[in-house]
Amino acid sequence: MPTDKIKKAAIPKINIDIDKNLIVFNIIEFFLVLVIIVLFYVSIPLHSTKVIYIPKGSTSGIISYLNKSGYELNVLDKTIIRFLGYPQQGWIDLKSHKMAKGDFLYKLLTSKAALQTVTLIPGETSYFFIKDVAKTFGLSEKLLREAYNKYAFKNDGNILAESYHLPIGMSEENLIYYLINYTNNQYERISQKIFGEYNKEQWFYYIAIASVIQKEAANVEEMPYVSSVVHNRLKRGMPLQMDGTLNYGRFSHDRITARRLKEDKSSYNTYMNKGVPKHPVSAVSLDAIKAAIFPAKSDYLYFVRDKTTGKHTFSATYKQHVNSVNKNITYMRTTPKVKIEPKQEEIKQPKTQETSIFEQVKKEQAPSTIKNLWKSVN
């Protein structure tokens, strides 16, 4: 073959090699430029609250929620998040206000909430609980009260008595909203389970009764008996005449005096007014709610604390009640002032039957027995 033909045949091969190298170079160059762009993008400074809320849902839904919250995320952010994993859910602690966008996206996937525990004791009022929350979380008591007044249905009883593990850094409004919304969901769940419906006004009537029980009962075992006294007196049109109803709001820890009984004109004064207070006296436990709805079946109309045991003696007649009071007076006069530890034996009461006093419950929704219904509420 002539030499010039061999040279001509070799030229296309060289051109192909050059084209391949150029393509590879262009691809590498593209990715390098892309990496530089991404690195520059993720280094853009971003400002955020230390603690943010991430809702449940898809990545797209989370991006949409964050955009509405002012974070201005886009398709590239969505792609980066999907590449790295899946965002955490709930309140998460980012630990700083200023960070690069890349750090922000990474923390969405890895951060955990820094939790602080606060306990609402059964029988405590929202007045003192808000003070405790403000101190525990370093928040404004004024703003907490404003948020409480905004979301609360009644003066008290809007937050269930239990321990709450809440993230540090929540705003006053978010914290109060969470507590009240959580409690309302629990109330609705329990009401639906017992009554097959959730009538909020009717439910808070029982919360008001539960708060009276919470203030008066010496222990959980007494609650159904205290409840029976409340319901029996209400049925007879008798005033409740219970000191605990005056331990509302800022008076939660005050000793009730004869002067208070005369001067307090609120609905909480059950010596002046018949019926249940218009608002719950305090926060309540699930046990108190159960007792309010399922009182023990009894004829009791009175009770007084037994100074020897620390528990209550229940009476069906005023004469029996006076005798119990006189025993206490005699004991106080004749016994040296020493601390008496309550005895551990159970209250000796007649055999009781738990019964529901909710008149609007449909018969077809009723369980096989009230006892089973009581046990099913948790």
Protein backbone atom coordinates (compact mmCIF):
# COMPACT_ATOMS: atom_id res chain seq x y z
CA MET A 1 0.00 0.00 0.00
CA PRO A 2 1.31 3.50 -0.83
CA THR A 3 2.60 5.57 2.10
CA ASP A 4 0.22 8.50 1.54
CA LYS A 5 -2.81 6.17 1.85
CA ILE A 6 -1.53 4.80 5.18
CA LYS A 7 -1.18 8.35 6.54
CA LYS A 8 -4.71 9.25 5.38
CA ALA A 9 -6.12 6.16 7.12
CA ALA A 10 -4.43 7.09 10.42
CA ILE A 11 -5.92 10.61 10.56
CA PRO A 12 -9.50 9.62 11.48
CA LYS A 13 -8.22 7.50 14.39
CA ILE A 14 -6.27 10.42 15.78
CA ASN A 15 -9.34 12.67 15.45
CA ILE A 16 -11.49 10.11 17.30
CA ASP A 17 -8.97 9.96 20.16
CA ILE A 18 -8.93 13.74 20.38
CA ASP A 19 -12.76 13.84 20.45
CA LYS A 20 -12.88 11.27 23.25
CA ASN A 21 -10.33 13.15 25.31
CA LEU A 22 -12.24 16.37 24.75
CA ILE A 23 -15.50 14.79 25.87
CA VAL A 24 -13.85 13.37 29.00
CA PHE A 25 -12.27 16.73 29.72
CA ASN A 26 -15.60 18.51 29.26
CA ILE A 27 -17.34 16.06 31.59
CA ILE A 28 -14.66 16.49 34.24
CA GLU A 29 -14.79 20.25 33.80
CA PHE A 30 -18.59 20.20 34.13
CA PHE A 31 -18.49 18.23 37.35
CA LEU A 32 -15.72 20.44 38.75
CA VAL A 33 -17.77 23.52 37.97
CA LEU A 34 -20.85 21.84 39.46
CA VAL A 35 -18.93 20.94 42.62
CA ILE A 36 -17.63 24.51 42.90
CA ILE A 37 -21.16 25.87 42.47
CA VAL A 38 -22.55 23.47 45.08
CA LEU A 39 -19.71 24.24 47.51
CA PHE A 40 -20.31 27.94 47.04
CA TYR A 41 -24.06 27.45 47.47
CA VAL A 42 -23.83 25.44 50.67
CA SER A 43 -21.43 28.01 52.13
CA ILE A 44 -24.01 30.80 51.85
CA PRO A 45 -24.74 32.10 55.38
CA LEU A 46 -28.20 31.39 56.80
CA HIS A 47 -29.99 32.71 59.87
CA SER A 48 -32.41 30.51 61.82
CA THR A 49 -33.94 30.07 65.23
CA LYS A 50 -32.02 27.61 67.39
CA VAL A 51 -35.01 25.30 67.64
CA ILE A 52 -37.29 24.68 64.67
CA TYR A 53 -40.25 22.42 64.05
CA ILE A 54 -40.14 19.81 61.27
CA PRO A 55 -43.58 18.33 60.45
CA LYS A 56 -44.26 14.75 59.47
CA GLY A 57 -44.49 14.10 55.75
CA SER A 58 -42.55 13.91 52.52
CA THR A 59 -39.37 15.84 51.76
CA SER A 60 -41.38 18.06 49.40
CA GLY A 61 -43.89 18.78 52.15
CA ILE A 62 -41.12 19.62 54.61
CA ILE A 63 -39.43 21.95 52.08
CA SER A 64 -42.78 23.65 51.47
CA TYR A 65 -43.32 24.09 55.23
CA LEU A 66 -39.83 25.56 55.70
CA ASN A 67 -40.39 27.95 52.78
CA LYS A 68 -43.56 29.21 54.44
CA SER A 69 -41.48 29.71 57.59
CA GLY A 70 -39.11 31.98 55.65
CA TYR A 71 -36.15 29.71 54.84
CA GLU A 72 -36.34 30.10 51.02
CA LEU A 73 -35.25 26.58 50.04
CA ASN A 74 -35.29 25.39 46.42
CA VAL A 75 -34.92 22.35 44.18
CA LEU A 76 -31.17 22.13 44.87
CA ASP A 77 -31.83 22.02 48.62
CA LYS A 78 -34.42 19.33 48.07
CA THR A 79 -31.91 17.31 46.00
CA ILE A 80 -29.18 17.68 48.64
CA ILE A 81 -31.56 16.58 51.41
CA ARG A 82 -32.68 13.54 49.43
CA PHE A 83 -29.06 12.66 48.70
CA LEU A 84 -28.07 12.89 52.37
CA GLY A 85 -31.08 11.15 53.89
CA TYR A 86 -34.40 12.11 55.50
CA PRO A 87 -35.10 15.04 57.86
CA GLN A 88 -35.79 14.56 61.55
CA GLN A 89 -39.32 15.22 62.75
CA GLY A 90 -40.64 17.36 65.58
CA TRP A 91 -38.75 20.09 67.42
CA ILE A 92 -35.01 19.91 66.72
CA ASP A 93 -32.13 21.88 68.20
CA LEU A 94 -29.80 23.42 65.59
CA LYS A 95 -27.60 24.76 68.43
CA SER A 96 -26.91 28.10 66.73
CA HIS A 97 -28.64 30.99 64.98
CA LYS A 98 -26.02 31.56 62.25
CA MET A 99 -24.65 28.81 60.02
CA ALA A 100 -23.84 27.92 56.43
CA LYS A 101 -26.72 26.57 54.38
CA GLY A 102 -24.92 23.23 54.10
CA ASP A 103 -24.70 22.99 57.88
CA PHE A 104 -28.39 23.84 58.10
CA LEU A 105 -29.37 21.09 55.65
CA TYR A 106 -27.12 18.57 57.41
CA LYS A 107 -28.54 19.47 60.83
CA LEU A 108 -32.06 18.95 59.52
CA LEU A 109 -31.09 15.32 59.07
CA THR A 110 -29.00 14.75 62.19
CA SER A 111 -30.03 17.14 64.97
CA LYS A 112 -31.91 16.01 68.03
CA ALA A 113 -33.98 18.19 70.31
CA ALA A 114 -32.39 19.32 73.56
CA LEU A 115 -35.11 18.42 76.03
CA GLN A 116 -35.98 19.90 79.41
CA THR A 117 -38.50 18.28 81.75
CA VAL A 118 -41.23 20.20 83.52
CA THR A 119 -43.92 18.57 85.67
CA LEU A 120 -47.44 19.81 86.25
CA ILE A 121 -48.41 18.32 89.61
CA PRO A 122 -52.03 17.14 89.93
CA GLY A 123 -53.95 19.79 91.83
CA GLU A 124 -51.58 22.63 90.91
CA THR A 125 -52.97 25.69 89.17
CA SER A 126 -51.90 27.17 85.85
CA TYR A 127 -50.86 30.32 87.73
CA PHE A 128 -47.98 28.54 89.45
CA PHE A 129 -47.26 26.16 86.58
CA ILE A 130 -46.60 29.07 84.22
CA LYS A 131 -44.18 30.51 86.79
CA ASP A 132 -42.40 27.15 86.88
CA VAL A 133 -42.23 26.94 83.08
CA ALA A 134 -40.84 30.47 82.83
CA LYS A 135 -38.12 29.66 85.36
CA THR A 136 -37.26 26.25 83.88
CA PHE A 137 -36.98 27.42 80.27
CA GLY A 138 -35.86 30.99 80.84
CA LEU A 139 -38.97 32.38 79.14
CA SER A 140 -41.09 35.46 79.70
CA GLU A 141 -43.84 34.81 82.24
CA LYS A 142 -45.84 37.67 80.72
CA LEU A 143 -45.70 36.20 77.20
CA LEU A 144 -46.52 32.72 78.54
CA ARG A 145 -49.66 34.08 80.22
CA GLU A 146 -50.67 35.94 77.08
CA ALA A 147 -50.32 32.74 75.05
CA TYR A 148 -52.22 30.77 77.70
CA ASN A 149 -55.11 33.25 77.66
CA LYS A 150 -55.13 33.06 73.86
CA TYR A 151 -55.46 29.27 73.60
CA ALA A 152 -57.09 28.22 76.90
CA PHE A 153 -60.73 27.11 76.88
CA LYS A 154 -61.19 27.70 80.62
CA ASN A 155 -59.20 29.46 83.34
CA ASP A 156 -57.64 26.16 84.39
CA GLY A 157 -57.67 22.46 83.59
CA ASN A 158 -56.45 23.11 80.02
CA ILE A 159 -53.17 21.25 80.57
CA LEU A 160 -53.18 17.65 81.78
CA ALA A 161 -51.18 17.00 84.94
CA GLU A 162 -48.11 15.00 83.94
CA SER A 163 -44.40 15.39 83.11
CA TYR A 164 -43.54 17.02 79.80
CA HIS A 165 -40.21 16.70 77.98
CA LEU A 166 -39.96 19.84 75.88
CA PRO A 167 -37.18 21.15 73.64
CA ILE A 168 -35.17 24.08 74.90
CA GLY A 169 -35.61 27.13 72.71
CA MET A 170 -39.34 26.92 72.01
CA SER A 171 -41.06 30.28 71.99
CA GLU A 172 -43.61 31.09 74.68
CA GLU A 173 -46.52 30.78 72.25
CA ASN A 174 -45.32 27.52 70.68
CA LEU A 175 -44.77 25.92 74.08
CA ILE A 176 -48.19 26.84 75.46
CA TYR A 177 -49.90 25.91 72.20
CA TYR A 178 -48.23 22.49 72.27
CA LEU A 179 -49.26 21.78 75.88
CA ILE A 180 -52.88 22.83 75.37
CA ASN A 181 -53.20 21.13 71.99
CA TYR A 182 -51.69 17.90 73.38
CA THR A 183 -54.10 17.96 76.31
CA ASN A 184 -57.11 18.66 74.10
CA ASN A 185 -56.18 15.68 71.93
CA GLN A 186 -55.96 13.49 75.04
CA TYR A 187 -59.30 14.78 76.31
CA GLU A 188 -60.93 14.08 72.95
CA ARG A 189 -59.42 10.57 72.78
CA ILE A 190 -60.69 9.66 76.26
CA SER A 191 -64.12 11.24 75.70
CA GLN A 192 -64.58 9.39 72.41
CA LYS A 193 -63.61 6.14 74.13
CA ILE A 194 -66.11 6.61 76.96
CA PHE A 195 -68.97 8.57 75.43
CA GLY A 196 -68.52 8.10 71.69
CA GLU A 197 -68.31 11.87 71.23
CA TYR A 198 -66.40 14.94 72.40
CA ASN A 199 -68.62 17.73 73.67
CA LYS A 200 -66.01 20.20 74.91
CA GLU A 201 -68.32 22.19 77.18
CA GLN A 202 -69.73 19.02 78.73
CA TRP A 203 -66.25 17.52 79.07
CA PHE A 204 -64.93 20.53 80.96
CA TYR A 205 -67.85 20.20 83.36
CA TYR A 206 -66.32 16.88 84.33
CA ILE A 207 -62.86 18.43 84.42
CA ALA A 208 -64.24 20.96 86.92
CA ILE A 209 -65.59 18.12 89.07
CA ALA A 210 -62.29 16.27 88.69
CA SER A 211 -60.42 19.36 89.92
CA VAL A 212 -62.56 19.46 93.07
CA ILE A 213 -61.82 15.77 93.64
CA GLN A 214 -58.12 16.39 92.98
CA LYS A 215 -58.02 19.11 95.63
CA GLU A 216 -59.99 17.19 98.26
CA ALA A 217 -58.99 13.51 98.03
CA ALA A 218 -56.12 12.31 100.23
CA ASN A 219 -55.13 9.63 97.70
CA VAL A 220 -56.25 7.93 94.50
CA GLU A 221 -58.28 5.30 96.38
CA GLU A 222 -60.47 8.01 97.92
CA MET A 223 -61.27 9.73 94.66
CA PRO A 224 -64.40 7.72 93.70
CA TYR A 225 -65.81 8.30 97.23
CA VAL A 226 -65.14 12.03 97.13
CA SER A 227 -66.76 12.02 93.69
CA SER A 228 -69.84 10.29 95.08
CA VAL A 229 -70.17 13.03 97.73
CA VAL A 230 -69.93 15.70 95.02
CA HIS A 231 -72.55 14.05 92.82
CA ASN A 232 -74.89 13.23 95.72
CA ARG A 233 -74.83 16.83 96.94
CA LEU A 234 -75.38 18.15 93.40
CA LYS A 235 -78.38 15.86 92.93
CA ARG A 236 -79.92 17.13 96.19
CA GLY A 237 -79.27 20.77 95.34
CA MET A 238 -76.86 21.12 98.25
CA PRO A 239 -73.85 23.45 98.02
CA LEU A 240 -70.60 21.49 97.86
CA GLN A 241 -69.08 23.48 100.77
CA MET A 242 -65.55 22.29 100.02
CA ASP A 243 -62.51 24.36 100.99
CA GLY A 244 -60.41 23.04 98.12
CA THR A 245 -62.44 24.94 95.53
CA LEU A 246 -61.06 28.20 96.96
CA ASN A 247 -57.48 27.09 96.27
CA TYR A 248 -57.73 28.35 92.69
CA GLY A 249 -55.24 30.46 90.74
CA ARG A 250 -52.77 32.34 92.92
CA PHE A 251 -54.54 31.05 96.05
CA SER A 252 -53.49 27.46 95.33
CA HIS A 253 -51.29 27.18 98.42
CA ASP A 254 -53.25 29.45 100.77
CA ARG A 255 -54.94 28.31 103.94
CA ILE A 256 -58.69 28.86 103.68
CA THR A 257 -59.91 31.19 106.42
CA ALA A 258 -63.36 32.25 107.59
CA ARG A 259 -62.64 35.66 106.08
CA ARG A 260 -62.02 34.14 102.64
CA LEU A 261 -65.28 32.21 102.88
CA LYS A 262 -67.14 35.48 103.48
CA GLU A 263 -65.30 37.76 101.07
CA ASP A 264 -64.65 35.59 98.00
CA LYS A 265 -67.61 36.21 95.68
CA SER A 266 -66.39 34.04 92.78
CA SER A 267 -68.04 30.83 91.59
CA TYR A 268 -65.17 28.98 93.26
CA ASN A 269 -66.74 29.70 96.65
CA THR A 270 -68.89 26.59 97.03
CA TYR A 271 -70.10 27.76 100.45
CA MET A 272 -71.88 30.73 98.84
CA ASN A 273 -72.78 29.12 95.52
CA LYS A 274 -74.47 25.89 94.58
CA GLY A 275 -73.18 23.73 91.78
CA VAL A 276 -69.71 23.21 90.35
CA PRO A 277 -67.35 26.18 89.81
CA LYS A 278 -67.60 27.64 86.29
CA HIS A 279 -63.94 26.86 85.69
CA PRO A 280 -61.79 23.93 86.84
CA VAL A 281 -59.92 24.74 90.04
CA SER A 282 -56.64 23.21 88.91
CA ALA A 283 -54.92 20.72 86.66
CA VAL A 284 -56.16 17.16 87.02
CA SER A 285 -54.84 13.64 86.64
CA LEU A 286 -56.44 10.83 84.66
CA ASP A 287 -57.43 9.18 87.96
CA ALA A 288 -59.40 12.26 88.98
CA ILE A 289 -61.13 12.38 85.59
CA LYS A 290 -62.14 8.73 85.92
CA ALA A 291 -63.49 9.37 89.40
CA ALA A 292 -65.49 12.38 88.21
CA ILE A 293 -67.17 10.31 85.49
CA PHE A 294 -67.44 7.08 87.48
CA PRO A 295 -68.26 7.93 91.13
CA ALA A 296 -68.61 5.19 93.70
CA LYS A 297 -72.21 4.29 94.40
CA SER A 298 -72.87 5.51 97.94
CA ASP A 299 -75.15 7.60 100.15
CA TYR A 300 -72.28 9.74 101.42
CA LEU A 301 -72.89 13.47 101.75
CA TYR A 302 -70.02 14.45 104.05
CA PHE A 303 -66.39 13.72 104.73
CA VAL A 304 -63.75 14.99 107.11
CA ARG A 305 -60.05 14.26 107.37
CA ASP A 306 -59.24 11.81 110.16
CA LYS A 307 -56.41 13.36 112.18
CA THR A 308 -55.11 9.92 113.18
CA THR A 309 -54.71 8.53 109.66
CA GLY A 310 -54.55 11.53 107.34
CA LYS A 311 -57.36 10.00 105.30
CA HIS A 312 -61.05 10.90 105.20
CA THR A 313 -64.03 9.52 107.08
CA PHE A 314 -67.16 9.51 104.94
CA SER A 315 -70.68 9.91 106.36
CA ALA A 316 -74.21 9.61 104.99
CA THR A 317 -75.87 11.77 107.66
CA TYR A 318 -75.01 15.06 109.31
CA LYS A 319 -75.12 13.42 112.74
CA GLN A 320 -72.47 10.88 111.70
CA HIS A 321 -70.40 13.71 110.25
CA VAL A 322 -70.58 15.74 113.48
CA ASN A 323 -69.46 12.69 115.45
CA SER A 324 -66.44 12.32 113.15
CA VAL A 325 -65.61 16.02 113.59
CA ASN A 326 -65.93 15.74 117.38
CA LYS A 327 -63.55 12.77 117.40
CA ASN A 328 -60.99 14.93 115.66
CA ILE A 329 -61.51 17.75 118.17
CA THR A 330 -61.07 15.33 121.08
CA TYR A 331 -57.98 13.84 119.48
CA MET A 332 -56.41 17.27 118.93
CA ARG A 333 -57.04 18.29 122.54
CA THR A 334 -55.68 15.14 124.13
CA THR A 335 -52.81 14.19 121.82
CA PRO A 336 -49.34 15.80 121.95
CA LYS A 337 -48.38 17.62 118.78
CA VAL A 338 -46.31 14.95 117.07
CA LYS A 339 -46.21 13.95 113.44
CA ILE A 340 -48.50 10.99 112.80
CA GLU A 341 -47.64 8.82 109.81
CA PRO A 342 -50.76 7.73 107.91
CA LYS A 343 -51.64 4.08 108.27
CA GLN A 344 -51.31 1.95 105.17
CA GLU A 345 -54.49 -0.09 105.51
CA GLU A 346 -57.19 0.39 102.91
CA ILE A 347 -60.24 2.56 103.54
CA LYS A 348 -62.97 0.44 105.10
CA GLN A 349 -66.00 1.31 103.03
CA PRO A 350 -69.06 -0.61 101.89
CA LYS A 351 -68.76 -2.58 98.71
CA THR A 352 -69.20 -0.17 95.85
CA GLN A 353 -70.32 -0.32 92.28
CA GLU A 354 -68.87 2.09 89.74
CA THR A 355 -71.51 3.86 87.71
CA SER A 356 -71.52 6.48 84.97
CA ILE A 357 -73.54 9.66 85.46
CA PHE A 358 -73.17 10.95 81.92
CA GLU A 359 -76.80 11.13 80.79
CA GLN A 360 -76.12 11.72 77.10
CA VAL A 361 -74.30 8.45 76.41
CA LYS A 362 -76.20 6.33 73.94
CA LYS A 363 -77.08 2.87 75.17
CA GLU A 364 -75.81 1.21 72.02
CA GLN A 365 -72.38 2.75 72.71
CA ALA A 366 -72.18 1.42 76.26
CA PRO A 367 -69.62 -1.30 77.03
CA SER A 368 -70.52 -4.65 78.55
CA THR A 369 -69.76 -3.37 82.06
CA ILE A 370 -68.79 -0.02 83.58
CA LYS A 371 -65.88 -1.76 85.29
CA ASN A 372 -64.44 -2.80 81.94
CA LEU A 373 -64.90 0.73 80.62
CA TRP A 374 -63.07 2.16 83.64
CA LYS A 375 -60.13 -0.16 83.06
CA SER A 376 -60.05 0.56 79.33
CA VAL A 377 -59.31 4.26 79.80
CA ASN A 378 -55.55 4.84 79.80
